[in-house]
Amino acid sequence: LGSTRASLLYETAAHDCGTTSELAAA
């Protein structure tokens, strides 16, 4: 997927859900 997309997908799964701002910061 590319590192950014993979990281965003992983962070979303790790937190069950997240806002765009939270995921961007993470």
mmCIF file of all heavy atoms, coordinates in Angstrom:
data_MODEL
# 
_entry.id   MODEL 
# 
loop_
_atom_site.group_PDB 
_atom_site.id 
_atom_site.type_symbol 
_atom_site.label_atom_id 
_atom_site.label_alt_id 
_atom_site.label_comp_id 
_atom_site.label_asym_id 
_atom_site.label_entity_id 
_atom_site.label_seq_id 
_atom_site.pdbx_PDB_ins_code 
_atom_site.Cartn_x 
_atom_site.Cartn_y 
_atom_site.Cartn_z 
_atom_site.occupancy 
_atom_site.B_iso_or_equiv 
_atom_site.pdbx_formal_charge 
_atom_site.auth_seq_id 
_atom_site.auth_comp_id 
_atom_site.auth_asym_id 
_atom_site.auth_atom_id 
_atom_site.pdbx_PDB_model_num 
ATOM 1   N N   . LEU A 1 1  ? 0.788   -1.233 0.000  1.00 0.00 ? 1  LEU A N   1 
ATOM 2   C CA  . LEU A 1 1  ? 0.000   0.000  0.000  1.00 0.00 ? 1  LEU A CA  1 
ATOM 3   C C   . LEU A 1 1  ? 0.820   1.283  0.000  1.00 0.00 ? 1  LEU A C   1 
ATOM 4   O O   . LEU A 1 1  ? 0.288   2.339  -0.319 1.00 0.00 ? 1  LEU A O   1 
ATOM 5   C CB  . LEU A 1 1  ? -0.899  0.044  1.249  1.00 0.00 ? 1  LEU A CB  1 
ATOM 6   C CG  . LEU A 1 1  ? -1.943  -1.031 1.419  1.00 0.00 ? 1  LEU A CG  1 
ATOM 7   C CD1 . LEU A 1 1  ? -2.659  -0.854 2.750  1.00 0.00 ? 1  LEU A CD1 1 
ATOM 8   C CD2 . LEU A 1 1  ? -2.926  -1.001 0.279  1.00 0.00 ? 1  LEU A CD2 1 
ATOM 9   N N   . GLY A 1 2  ? 2.057   1.197  0.422  1.00 0.00 ? 2  GLY A N   1 
ATOM 10  C CA  . GLY A 1 2  ? 2.853   2.386  0.692  1.00 0.00 ? 2  GLY A CA  1 
ATOM 11  C C   . GLY A 1 2  ? 2.852   2.622  2.188  1.00 0.00 ? 2  GLY A C   1 
ATOM 12  O O   . GLY A 1 2  ? 1.891   2.265  2.881  1.00 0.00 ? 2  GLY A O   1 
ATOM 13  N N   . SER A 1 3  ? 3.916   3.199  2.694  1.00 0.00 ? 3  SER A N   1 
ATOM 14  C CA  . SER A 1 3  ? 4.065   3.303  4.147  1.00 0.00 ? 3  SER A CA  1 
ATOM 15  C C   . SER A 1 3  ? 3.013   4.204  4.793  1.00 0.00 ? 3  SER A C   1 
ATOM 16  O O   . SER A 1 3  ? 2.522   3.901  5.883  1.00 0.00 ? 3  SER A O   1 
ATOM 17  C CB  . SER A 1 3  ? 5.471   3.784  4.510  1.00 0.00 ? 3  SER A CB  1 
ATOM 18  O OG  . SER A 1 3  ? 5.713   5.060  3.955  1.00 0.00 ? 3  SER A OG  1 
ATOM 19  N N   . THR A 1 4  ? 2.635   5.301  4.150  1.00 0.00 ? 4  THR A N   1 
ATOM 20  C CA  . THR A 1 4  ? 1.644   6.199  4.753  1.00 0.00 ? 4  THR A CA  1 
ATOM 21  C C   . THR A 1 4  ? 0.278   5.532  4.843  1.00 0.00 ? 4  THR A C   1 
ATOM 22  O O   . THR A 1 4  ? -0.354  5.548  5.900  1.00 0.00 ? 4  THR A O   1 
ATOM 23  C CB  . THR A 1 4  ? 1.539   7.512  3.963  1.00 0.00 ? 4  THR A CB  1 
ATOM 24  O OG1 . THR A 1 4  ? 2.829   8.142  3.943  1.00 0.00 ? 4  THR A OG1 1 
ATOM 25  C CG2 . THR A 1 4  ? 0.533   8.463  4.582  1.00 0.00 ? 4  THR A CG2 1 
ATOM 26  N N   . ARG A 1 5  ? -0.173  4.929  3.765  1.00 0.00 ? 5  ARG A N   1 
ATOM 27  C CA  . ARG A 1 5  ? -1.488  4.261  3.793  1.00 0.00 ? 5  ARG A CA  1 
ATOM 28  C C   . ARG A 1 5  ? -1.494  3.094  4.772  1.00 0.00 ? 5  ARG A C   1 
ATOM 29  O O   . ARG A 1 5  ? -2.462  2.896  5.506  1.00 0.00 ? 5  ARG A O   1 
ATOM 30  C CB  . ARG A 1 5  ? -1.888  3.793  2.401  1.00 0.00 ? 5  ARG A CB  1 
ATOM 31  C CG  . ARG A 1 5  ? -2.252  4.923  1.489  1.00 0.00 ? 5  ARG A CG  1 
ATOM 32  C CD  . ARG A 1 5  ? -2.720  4.426  0.142  1.00 0.00 ? 5  ARG A CD  1 
ATOM 33  N NE  . ARG A 1 5  ? -2.761  5.552  -0.776 1.00 0.00 ? 5  ARG A NE  1 
ATOM 34  C CZ  . ARG A 1 5  ? -2.349  5.511  -2.018 1.00 0.00 ? 5  ARG A CZ  1 
ATOM 35  N NH1 . ARG A 1 5  ? -1.896  4.397  -2.540 1.00 0.00 ? 5  ARG A NH1 1 
ATOM 36  N NH2 . ARG A 1 5  ? -2.409  6.585  -2.772 1.00 0.00 ? 5  ARG A NH2 1 
ATOM 37  N N   . ALA A 1 6  ? -0.425  2.312  4.775  1.00 0.00 ? 6  ALA A N   1 
ATOM 38  C CA  . ALA A 1 6  ? -0.347  1.184  5.703  1.00 0.00 ? 6  ALA A CA  1 
ATOM 39  C C   . ALA A 1 6  ? -0.376  1.683  7.144  1.00 0.00 ? 6  ALA A C   1 
ATOM 40  O O   . ALA A 1 6  ? -1.070  1.110  7.987  1.00 0.00 ? 6  ALA A O   1 
ATOM 41  C CB  . ALA A 1 6  ? 0.921   0.371  5.442  1.00 0.00 ? 6  ALA A CB  1 
ATOM 42  N N   . SER A 1 7  ? 0.343   2.749  7.426  1.00 0.00 ? 7  SER A N   1 
ATOM 43  C CA  . SER A 1 7  ? 0.364   3.309  8.787  1.00 0.00 ? 7  SER A CA  1 
ATOM 44  C C   . SER A 1 7  ? -1.010  3.835  9.186  1.00 0.00 ? 7  SER A C   1 
ATOM 45  O O   . SER A 1 7  ? -1.458  3.634  10.318 1.00 0.00 ? 7  SER A O   1 
ATOM 46  C CB  . SER A 1 7  ? 1.394   4.431  8.887  1.00 0.00 ? 7  SER A CB  1 
ATOM 47  O OG  . SER A 1 7  ? 2.690   3.929  8.699  1.00 0.00 ? 7  SER A OG  1 
ATOM 48  N N   . LEU A 1 8  ? -1.681  4.521  8.272  1.00 0.00 ? 8  LEU A N   1 
ATOM 49  C CA  . LEU A 1 8  ? -3.019  5.025  8.574  1.00 0.00 ? 8  LEU A CA  1 
ATOM 50  C C   . LEU A 1 8  ? -4.001  3.885  8.822  1.00 0.00 ? 8  LEU A C   1 
ATOM 51  O O   . LEU A 1 8  ? -4.808  3.949  9.761  1.00 0.00 ? 8  LEU A O   1 
ATOM 52  C CB  . LEU A 1 8  ? -3.528  5.915  7.439  1.00 0.00 ? 8  LEU A CB  1 
ATOM 53  C CG  . LEU A 1 8  ? -2.892  7.301  7.355  1.00 0.00 ? 8  LEU A CG  1 
ATOM 54  C CD1 . LEU A 1 8  ? -3.203  7.955  6.012  1.00 0.00 ? 8  LEU A CD1 1 
ATOM 55  C CD2 . LEU A 1 8  ? -3.367  8.175  8.508  1.00 0.00 ? 8  LEU A CD2 1 
ATOM 56  N N   . LEU A 1 9  ? -3.930  2.843  8.018  1.00 0.00 ? 9  LEU A N   1 
ATOM 57  C CA  . LEU A 1 9  ? -4.807  1.690  8.207  1.00 0.00 ? 9  LEU A CA  1 
ATOM 58  C C   . LEU A 1 9  ? -4.522  1.016  9.545  1.00 0.00 ? 9  LEU A C   1 
ATOM 59  O O   . LEU A 1 9  ? -5.446  0.698  10.303 1.00 0.00 ? 9  LEU A O   1 
ATOM 60  C CB  . LEU A 1 9  ? -4.639  0.697  7.052  1.00 0.00 ? 9  LEU A CB  1 
ATOM 61  C CG  . LEU A 1 9  ? -5.618  -0.462 6.999  1.00 0.00 ? 9  LEU A CG  1 
ATOM 62  C CD1 . LEU A 1 9  ? -7.048  0.036  6.808  1.00 0.00 ? 9  LEU A CD1 1 
ATOM 63  C CD2 . LEU A 1 9  ? -5.247  -1.423 5.880  1.00 0.00 ? 9  LEU A CD2 1 
ATOM 64  N N   . TYR A 1 10 ? -3.246  0.837  9.846  1.00 0.00 ? 10 TYR A N   1 
ATOM 65  C CA  . TYR A 1 10 ? -2.859  0.219  11.119 1.00 0.00 ? 10 TYR A CA  1 
ATOM 66  C C   . TYR A 1 10 ? -3.336  1.066  12.306 1.00 0.00 ? 10 TYR A C   1 
ATOM 67  O O   . TYR A 1 10 ? -3.906  0.535  13.263 1.00 0.00 ? 10 TYR A O   1 
ATOM 68  C CB  . TYR A 1 10 ? -1.347  0.024  11.170 1.00 0.00 ? 10 TYR A CB  1 
ATOM 69  C CG  . TYR A 1 10 ? -0.881  -0.459 12.515 1.00 0.00 ? 10 TYR A CG  1 
ATOM 70  C CD1 . TYR A 1 10 ? -1.014  -1.796 12.875 1.00 0.00 ? 10 TYR A CD1 1 
ATOM 71  C CD2 . TYR A 1 10 ? -0.342  0.413  13.441 1.00 0.00 ? 10 TYR A CD2 1 
ATOM 72  C CE1 . TYR A 1 10 ? -0.618  -2.248 14.127 1.00 0.00 ? 10 TYR A CE1 1 
ATOM 73  C CE2 . TYR A 1 10 ? 0.057   -0.022 14.693 1.00 0.00 ? 10 TYR A CE2 1 
ATOM 74  C CZ  . TYR A 1 10 ? -0.081  -1.351 15.032 1.00 0.00 ? 10 TYR A CZ  1 
ATOM 75  O OH  . TYR A 1 10 ? 0.296   -1.779 16.268 1.00 0.00 ? 10 TYR A OH  1 
ATOM 76  N N   . GLU A 1 11 ? -3.104  2.372  12.267 1.00 0.00 ? 11 GLU A N   1 
ATOM 77  C CA  . GLU A 1 11 ? -3.510  3.250  13.376 1.00 0.00 ? 11 GLU A CA  1 
ATOM 78  C C   . GLU A 1 11 ? -5.021  3.248  13.555 1.00 0.00 ? 11 GLU A C   1 
ATOM 79  O O   . GLU A 1 11 ? -5.514  3.255  14.678 1.00 0.00 ? 11 GLU A O   1 
ATOM 80  C CB  . GLU A 1 11 ? -3.016  4.679  13.145 1.00 0.00 ? 11 GLU A CB  1 
ATOM 81  C CG  . GLU A 1 11 ? -1.537  4.859  13.380 1.00 0.00 ? 11 GLU A CG  1 
ATOM 82  C CD  . GLU A 1 11 ? -1.106  4.596  14.809 1.00 0.00 ? 11 GLU A CD  1 
ATOM 83  O OE1 . GLU A 1 11 ? -1.873  4.886  15.761 1.00 0.00 ? 11 GLU A OE1 1 
ATOM 84  O OE2 . GLU A 1 11 ? 0.012   4.090  14.982 1.00 0.00 ? 11 GLU A OE2 1 
ATOM 85  N N   . THR A 1 12 ? -5.757  3.237  12.462 1.00 0.00 ? 12 THR A N   1 
ATOM 86  C CA  . THR A 1 12 ? -7.216  3.197  12.546 1.00 0.00 ? 12 THR A CA  1 
ATOM 87  C C   . THR A 1 12 ? -7.666  1.905  13.228 1.00 0.00 ? 12 THR A C   1 
ATOM 88  O O   . THR A 1 12 ? -8.519  1.921  14.112 1.00 0.00 ? 12 THR A O   1 
ATOM 89  C CB  . THR A 1 12 ? -7.853  3.317  11.154 1.00 0.00 ? 12 THR A CB  1 
ATOM 90  O OG1 . THR A 1 12 ? -7.351  4.488  10.512 1.00 0.00 ? 12 THR A OG1 1 
ATOM 91  C CG2 . THR A 1 12 ? -9.365  3.413  11.254 1.00 0.00 ? 12 THR A CG2 1 
ATOM 92  N N   . ALA A 1 13 ? -7.071  0.788  12.846 1.00 0.00 ? 13 ALA A N   1 
ATOM 93  C CA  . ALA A 1 13 ? -7.428  -0.503 13.448 1.00 0.00 ? 13 ALA A CA  1 
ATOM 94  C C   . ALA A 1 13 ? -7.010  -0.568 14.910 1.00 0.00 ? 13 ALA A C   1 
ATOM 95  O O   . ALA A 1 13 ? -7.745  -1.099 15.743 1.00 0.00 ? 13 ALA A O   1 
ATOM 96  C CB  . ALA A 1 13 ? -6.780  -1.641 12.668 1.00 0.00 ? 13 ALA A CB  1 
ATOM 97  N N   . ALA A 1 14 ? -5.859  -0.013 15.222 1.00 0.00 ? 14 ALA A N   1 
ATOM 98  C CA  . ALA A 1 14 ? -5.352  -0.074 16.599 1.00 0.00 ? 14 ALA A CA  1 
ATOM 99  C C   . ALA A 1 14 ? -6.240  0.694  17.569 1.00 0.00 ? 14 ALA A C   1 
ATOM 100 O O   . ALA A 1 14 ? -6.317  0.343  18.747 1.00 0.00 ? 14 ALA A O   1 
ATOM 101 C CB  . ALA A 1 14 ? -3.929  0.468  16.650 1.00 0.00 ? 14 ALA A CB  1 
ATOM 102 N N   . HIS A 1 15 ? -6.923  1.716  17.077 1.00 0.00 ? 15 HIS A N   1 
ATOM 103 C CA  . HIS A 1 15 ? -7.771  2.535  17.944 1.00 0.00 ? 15 HIS A CA  1 
ATOM 104 C C   . HIS A 1 15 ? -9.262  2.320  17.694 1.00 0.00 ? 15 HIS A C   1 
ATOM 105 O O   . HIS A 1 15 ? -10.078 3.099  18.175 1.00 0.00 ? 15 HIS A O   1 
ATOM 106 C CB  . HIS A 1 15 ? -7.401  4.013  17.761 1.00 0.00 ? 15 HIS A CB  1 
ATOM 107 C CG  . HIS A 1 15 ? -6.009  4.313  18.178 1.00 0.00 ? 15 HIS A CG  1 
ATOM 108 N ND1 . HIS A 1 15 ? -4.968  4.406  17.284 1.00 0.00 ? 15 HIS A ND1 1 
ATOM 109 C CD2 . HIS A 1 15 ? -5.467  4.480  19.403 1.00 0.00 ? 15 HIS A CD2 1 
ATOM 110 C CE1 . HIS A 1 15 ? -3.849  4.645  17.936 1.00 0.00 ? 15 HIS A CE1 1 
ATOM 111 N NE2 . HIS A 1 15 ? -4.122  4.699  19.225 1.00 0.00 ? 15 HIS A NE2 1 
ATOM 112 N N   . ASP A 1 16 ? -9.613  1.300  16.938 1.00 0.00 ? 16 ASP A N   1 
ATOM 113 C CA  . ASP A 1 16 ? -10.998 0.982  16.558 1.00 0.00 ? 16 ASP A CA  1 
ATOM 114 C C   . ASP A 1 16 ? -11.591 2.026  15.616 1.00 0.00 ? 16 ASP A C   1 
ATOM 115 O O   . ASP A 1 16 ? -12.340 1.691  14.733 1.00 0.00 ? 16 ASP A O   1 
ATOM 116 C CB  . ASP A 1 16 ? -11.908 0.793  17.762 1.00 0.00 ? 16 ASP A CB  1 
ATOM 117 C CG  . ASP A 1 16 ? -11.619 -0.498 18.497 1.00 0.00 ? 16 ASP A CG  1 
ATOM 118 O OD1 . ASP A 1 16 ? -11.251 -1.488 17.838 1.00 0.00 ? 16 ASP A OD1 1 
ATOM 119 O OD2 . ASP A 1 16 ? -11.752 -0.517 19.735 1.00 0.00 ? 16 ASP A OD2 1 
ATOM 120 N N   . CYS A 1 17 ? -11.307 3.291  15.818 1.00 0.00 ? 17 CYS A N   1 
ATOM 121 C CA  . CYS A 1 17 ? -11.694 4.347  14.881 1.00 0.00 ? 17 CYS A CA  1 
ATOM 122 C C   . CYS A 1 17 ? -10.900 5.588  15.251 1.00 0.00 ? 17 CYS A C   1 
ATOM 123 O O   . CYS A 1 17 ? -10.270 5.642  16.302 1.00 0.00 ? 17 CYS A O   1 
ATOM 124 C CB  . CYS A 1 17 ? -13.198 4.618  14.902 1.00 0.00 ? 17 CYS A CB  1 
ATOM 125 S SG  . CYS A 1 17 ? -13.766 5.575  16.302 1.00 0.00 ? 17 CYS A SG  1 
ATOM 126 N N   . GLY A 1 18 ? -10.912 6.555  14.377 1.00 0.00 ? 18 GLY A N   1 
ATOM 127 C CA  . GLY A 1 18 ? -10.200 7.793  14.670 1.00 0.00 ? 18 GLY A CA  1 
ATOM 128 C C   . GLY A 1 18 ? -10.625 8.880  13.715 1.00 0.00 ? 18 GLY A C   1 
ATOM 129 O O   . GLY A 1 18 ? -11.122 8.608  12.624 1.00 0.00 ? 18 GLY A O   1 
ATOM 130 N N   . THR A 1 19 ? -10.429 10.120 14.154 1.00 0.00 ? 19 THR A N   1 
ATOM 131 C CA  . THR A 1 19 ? -10.724 11.247 13.278 1.00 0.00 ? 19 THR A CA  1 
ATOM 132 C C   . THR A 1 19 ? -9.545  11.444 12.333 1.00 0.00 ? 19 THR A C   1 
ATOM 133 O O   . THR A 1 19 ? -8.440  10.951 12.574 1.00 0.00 ? 19 THR A O   1 
ATOM 134 C CB  . THR A 1 19 ? -10.940 12.539 14.077 1.00 0.00 ? 19 THR A CB  1 
ATOM 135 O OG1 . THR A 1 19 ? -9.713  12.915 14.698 1.00 0.00 ? 19 THR A OG1 1 
ATOM 136 C CG2 . THR A 1 19 ? -12.038 12.381 15.118 1.00 0.00 ? 19 THR A CG2 1 
ATOM 137 N N   . THR A 1 20 ? -9.783  12.186 11.290 1.00 0.00 ? 20 THR A N   1 
ATOM 138 C CA  . THR A 1 20 ? -8.713  12.480 10.338 1.00 0.00 ? 20 THR A CA  1 
ATOM 139 C C   . THR A 1 20 ? -7.556  13.166 11.049 1.00 0.00 ? 20 THR A C   1 
ATOM 140 O O   . THR A 1 20 ? -6.391  12.818 10.836 1.00 0.00 ? 20 THR A O   1 
ATOM 141 C CB  . THR A 1 20 ? -9.245  13.361 9.188  1.00 0.00 ? 20 THR A CB  1 
ATOM 142 O OG1 . THR A 1 20 ? -10.388 12.729 8.612  1.00 0.00 ? 20 THR A OG1 1 
ATOM 143 C CG2 . THR A 1 20 ? -8.194  13.579 8.121  1.00 0.00 ? 20 THR A CG2 1 
ATOM 144 N N   . SER A 1 21 ? -7.860  14.115 11.921 1.00 0.00 ? 21 SER A N   1 
ATOM 145 C CA  . SER A 1 21 ? -6.814  14.840 12.659 1.00 0.00 ? 21 SER A CA  1 
ATOM 146 C C   . SER A 1 21 ? -6.017  13.915 13.567 1.00 0.00 ? 21 SER A C   1 
ATOM 147 O O   . SER A 1 21 ? -4.783  14.006 13.626 1.00 0.00 ? 21 SER A O   1 
ATOM 148 C CB  . SER A 1 21 ? -7.428  15.968 13.493 1.00 0.00 ? 21 SER A CB  1 
ATOM 149 O OG  . SER A 1 21 ? -8.065  16.903 12.674 1.00 0.00 ? 21 SER A OG  1 
ATOM 150 N N   . GLU A 1 22 ? -6.702  13.036 14.289 1.00 0.00 ? 22 GLU A N   1 
ATOM 151 C CA  . GLU A 1 22 ? -6.012  12.100 15.186 1.00 0.00 ? 22 GLU A CA  1 
ATOM 152 C C   . GLU A 1 22 ? -5.096  11.174 14.405 1.00 0.00 ? 22 GLU A C   1 
ATOM 153 O O   . GLU A 1 22 ? -3.950  10.931 14.808 1.00 0.00 ? 22 GLU A O   1 
ATOM 154 C CB  . GLU A 1 22 ? -7.034  11.262 15.968 1.00 0.00 ? 22 GLU A CB  1 
ATOM 155 C CG  . GLU A 1 22 ? -7.834  12.041 16.980 1.00 0.00 ? 22 GLU A CG  1 
ATOM 156 C CD  . GLU A 1 22 ? -9.021  11.257 17.531 1.00 0.00 ? 22 GLU A CD  1 
ATOM 157 O OE1 . GLU A 1 22 ? -9.462  10.269 16.899 1.00 0.00 ? 22 GLU A OE1 1 
ATOM 158 O OE2 . GLU A 1 22 ? -9.508  11.658 18.592 1.00 0.00 ? 22 GLU A OE2 1 
ATOM 159 N N   . LEU A 1 23 ? -5.589  10.666 13.292 1.00 0.00 ? 23 LEU A N   1 
ATOM 160 C CA  . LEU A 1 23 ? -4.789  9.730  12.499 1.00 0.00 ? 23 LEU A CA  1 
ATOM 161 C C   . LEU A 1 23 ? -3.604  10.432 11.846 1.00 0.00 ? 23 LEU A C   1 
ATOM 162 O O   . LEU A 1 23 ? -2.507  9.880  11.796 1.00 0.00 ? 23 LEU A O   1 
ATOM 163 C CB  . LEU A 1 23 ? -5.673  9.042  11.463 1.00 0.00 ? 23 LEU A CB  1 
ATOM 164 C CG  . LEU A 1 23 ? -6.768  8.147  12.061 1.00 0.00 ? 23 LEU A CG  1 
ATOM 165 C CD1 . LEU A 1 23 ? -7.754  7.716  10.985 1.00 0.00 ? 23 LEU A CD1 1 
ATOM 166 C CD2 . LEU A 1 23 ? -6.156  6.948  12.756 1.00 0.00 ? 23 LEU A CD2 1 
ATOM 167 N N   . ALA A 1 24 ? -3.809  11.658 11.366 1.00 0.00 ? 24 ALA A N   1 
ATOM 168 C CA  . ALA A 1 24 ? -2.707  12.425 10.770 1.00 0.00 ? 24 ALA A CA  1 
ATOM 169 C C   . ALA A 1 24 ? -1.609  12.648 11.799 1.00 0.00 ? 24 ALA A C   1 
ATOM 170 O O   . ALA A 1 24 ? -0.415  12.469 11.502 1.00 0.00 ? 24 ALA A O   1 
ATOM 171 C CB  . ALA A 1 24 ? -3.218  13.764 10.234 1.00 0.00 ? 24 ALA A CB  1 
ATOM 172 N N   . ALA A 1 25 ? -1.990  13.020 13.021 1.00 0.00 ? 25 ALA A N   1 
ATOM 173 C CA  . ALA A 1 25 ? -1.012  13.257 14.081 1.00 0.00 ? 25 ALA A CA  1 
ATOM 174 C C   . ALA A 1 25 ? -0.291  11.963 14.464 1.00 0.00 ? 25 ALA A C   1 
ATOM 175 O O   . ALA A 1 25 ? 0.931   11.965 14.670 1.00 0.00 ? 25 ALA A O   1 
ATOM 176 C CB  . ALA A 1 25 ? -1.694  13.864 15.305 1.00 0.00 ? 25 ALA A CB  1 
ATOM 177 N N   . ALA A 1 26 ? -1.031  10.866 14.553 1.00 0.00 ? 26 ALA A N   1 
ATOM 178 C CA  . ALA A 1 26 ? -0.427  9.582  14.943 1.00 0.00 ? 26 ALA A CA  1 
ATOM 179 C C   . ALA A 1 26 ? 0.600   9.107  13.931 1.00 0.00 ? 26 ALA A C   1 
ATOM 180 O O   . ALA A 1 26 ? 1.608   8.504  14.288 1.00 0.00 ? 26 ALA A O   1 
ATOM 181 C CB  . ALA A 1 26 ? -1.521  8.525  15.119 1.00 0.00 ? 26 ALA A CB  1 
# 
